[in-house]
Amino acid sequence: MNLSELQLDALGELANIGSGNAATALSSMVGVPIDLSVPTVRLLPLVDAVDAAGDPAEEVFAVLLPVVGDLEAHVVLLF
């Protein structure tokens, strides 16, 4: 799948808004400020995504979200 630069920017903005809202909600729940960096958006085949995730020995947390509708995909959020 090939997306235009505008489409990738739109996905990045969507991720930025969503993570900002999540950070605000989490900060409100725990009562401490939450620092947030701008998410990186990459469109990769699964085999390349594994390498892009970093050192396989490093412990990370992930969330896998399915995307359904006109665009079928999976979103992987790595923490």
C-alpha atoms as a PDB file:
ATOM      1  CA  MET A   1       0.000   0.000   0.000  1.00  0.00           C
ATOM      2  CA  ASN A   2       1.284   3.435  -0.886  1.00  0.00           C
ATOM      3  CA  LEU A   3       0.012   6.510   0.902  1.00  0.00           C
ATOM      4  CA  SER A   4       0.696  10.084  -0.107  1.00  0.00           C
ATOM      5  CA  GLU A   5       2.656  12.428   2.128  1.00  0.00           C
ATOM      6  CA  LEU A   6      -0.617  14.185   2.979  1.00  0.00           C
ATOM      7  CA  GLN A   7      -2.224  10.896   4.034  1.00  0.00           C
ATOM      8  CA  LEU A   8       0.782   9.991   6.214  1.00  0.00           C
ATOM      9  CA  ASP A   9       0.644  13.468   7.786  1.00  0.00           C
ATOM     10  CA  ALA A  10      -3.073  12.960   8.489  1.00  0.00           C
ATOM     11  CA  LEU A  11      -2.347   9.630  10.222  1.00  0.00           C
ATOM     12  CA  GLY A  12       0.387  11.321  12.244  1.00  0.00           C
ATOM     13  CA  GLU A  13      -1.959  14.101  13.287  1.00  0.00           C
ATOM     14  CA  LEU A  14      -4.606  11.555  14.255  1.00  0.00           C
ATOM     15  CA  ALA A  15      -2.045   9.713  16.396  1.00  0.00           C
ATOM     16  CA  ASN A  16      -0.870  12.997  17.918  1.00  0.00           C
ATOM     17  CA  ILE A  17      -4.381  14.080  18.879  1.00  0.00           C
ATOM     18  CA  GLY A  18      -5.303  10.638  20.240  1.00  0.00           C
ATOM     19  CA  SER A  19      -2.149  10.277  22.301  1.00  0.00           C
ATOM     20  CA  GLY A  20      -2.519  13.844  23.583  1.00  0.00           C
ATOM     21  CA  ASN A  21      -6.057  13.117  24.766  1.00  0.00           C
ATOM     22  CA  ALA A  22      -4.896   9.864  26.359  1.00  0.00           C
ATOM     23  CA  ALA A  23      -2.018  11.631  28.143  1.00  0.00           C
ATOM     24  CA  THR A  24      -4.378  14.320  29.438  1.00  0.00           C
ATOM     25  CA  ALA A  25      -6.820  11.697  30.753  1.00  0.00           C
ATOM     26  CA  LEU A  26      -4.034   9.654  32.368  1.00  0.00           C
ATOM     27  CA  SER A  27      -2.576  12.778  33.982  1.00  0.00           C
ATOM     28  CA  SER A  28      -6.007  13.616  35.383  1.00  0.00           C
ATOM     29  CA  MET A  29      -6.437  10.094  36.777  1.00  0.00           C
ATOM     30  CA  VAL A  30      -3.021   9.821  38.456  1.00  0.00           C
ATOM     31  CA  GLY A  31      -2.646  13.482  39.412  1.00  0.00           C
ATOM     32  CA  VAL A  32       0.820  13.997  37.917  1.00  0.00           C
ATOM     33  CA  PRO A  33       1.956  15.590  34.645  1.00  0.00           C
ATOM     34  CA  ILE A  34       2.539  13.192  31.746  1.00  0.00           C
ATOM     35  CA  ASP A  35       5.279  13.974  29.219  1.00  0.00           C
ATOM     36  CA  LEU A  36       4.531  13.051  25.640  1.00  0.00           C
ATOM     37  CA  SER A  37       6.654  12.961  22.509  1.00  0.00           C
ATOM     38  CA  VAL A  38       5.279  13.310  18.998  1.00  0.00           C
ATOM     39  CA  PRO A  39       4.389   9.866  17.614  1.00  0.00           C
ATOM     40  CA  THR A  40       6.246   8.544  14.584  1.00  0.00           C
ATOM     41  CA  VAL A  41       4.159   7.203  11.730  1.00  0.00           C
ATOM     42  CA  ARG A  42       5.589   4.542   9.435  1.00  0.00           C
ATOM     43  CA  LEU A  43       3.762   2.392   6.942  1.00  0.00           C
ATOM     44  CA  LEU A  44       5.617  -0.931   6.881  1.00  0.00           C
ATOM     45  CA  PRO A  45       5.016  -4.561   6.040  1.00  0.00           C
ATOM     46  CA  LEU A  46       4.922  -6.671   9.197  1.00  0.00           C
ATOM     47  CA  VAL A  47       8.331  -8.255   8.552  1.00  0.00           C
ATOM     48  CA  ASP A  48       9.944  -4.790   8.371  1.00  0.00           C
ATOM     49  CA  ALA A  49       7.979  -3.517  11.374  1.00  0.00           C
ATOM     50  CA  VAL A  50       9.646  -6.096  13.605  1.00  0.00           C
ATOM     51  CA  ASP A  51      13.093  -4.702  12.752  1.00  0.00           C
ATOM     52  CA  ALA A  52      11.882  -1.102  13.081  1.00  0.00           C
ATOM     53  CA  ALA A  53      10.662  -1.783  16.625  1.00  0.00           C
ATOM     54  CA  GLY A  54      14.233  -1.788  17.918  1.00  0.00           C
ATOM     55  CA  ASP A  55      16.365  -4.150  19.944  1.00  0.00           C
ATOM     56  CA  PRO A  56      14.514  -7.458  20.373  1.00  0.00           C
ATOM     57  CA  ALA A  57      16.058  -7.886  23.831  1.00  0.00           C
ATOM     58  CA  GLU A  58      14.563  -4.605  25.072  1.00  0.00           C
ATOM     59  CA  GLU A  59      11.267  -4.926  26.922  1.00  0.00           C
ATOM     60  CA  VAL A  60       8.442  -2.914  25.385  1.00  0.00           C
ATOM     61  CA  PHE A  61       4.691  -2.721  25.781  1.00  0.00           C
ATOM     62  CA  ALA A  62       2.441  -2.821  22.745  1.00  0.00           C
ATOM     63  CA  VAL A  63      -1.182  -2.427  21.756  1.00  0.00           C
ATOM     64  CA  LEU A  64      -2.492  -3.918  18.498  1.00  0.00           C
ATOM     65  CA  LEU A  65      -5.547  -2.205  17.045  1.00  0.00           C
ATOM     66  CA  PRO A  66      -7.394  -3.454  13.979  1.00  0.00           C
ATOM     67  CA  VAL A  67      -8.519  -0.918  11.364  1.00  0.00           C
ATOM     68  CA  VAL A  68     -11.663  -1.910   9.489  1.00  0.00           C
ATOM     69  CA  GLY A  69     -13.694  -0.385   6.700  1.00  0.00           C
ATOM     70  CA  ASP A  70     -12.344   0.966   3.408  1.00  0.00           C
ATOM     71  CA  LEU A  71      -8.798   0.659   4.742  1.00  0.00           C
ATOM     72  CA  GLU A  72      -8.065  -2.660   6.424  1.00  0.00           C
ATOM     73  CA  ALA A  73      -4.885  -2.657   8.478  1.00  0.00           C
ATOM     74  CA  HIS A  74      -3.441  -3.102  11.946  1.00  0.00           C
ATOM     75  CA  VAL A  75      -2.007  -0.307  14.073  1.00  0.00           C
ATOM     76  CA  VAL A  76       0.756  -1.269  16.489  1.00  0.00           C
ATOM     77  CA  LEU A  77       1.470   1.141  19.322  1.00  0.00           C
ATOM     78  CA  LEU A  78       4.834   0.503  20.990  1.00  0.00           C
ATOM     79  CA  PHE A  79       5.715   1.923  24.380  1.00  0.00           C
END
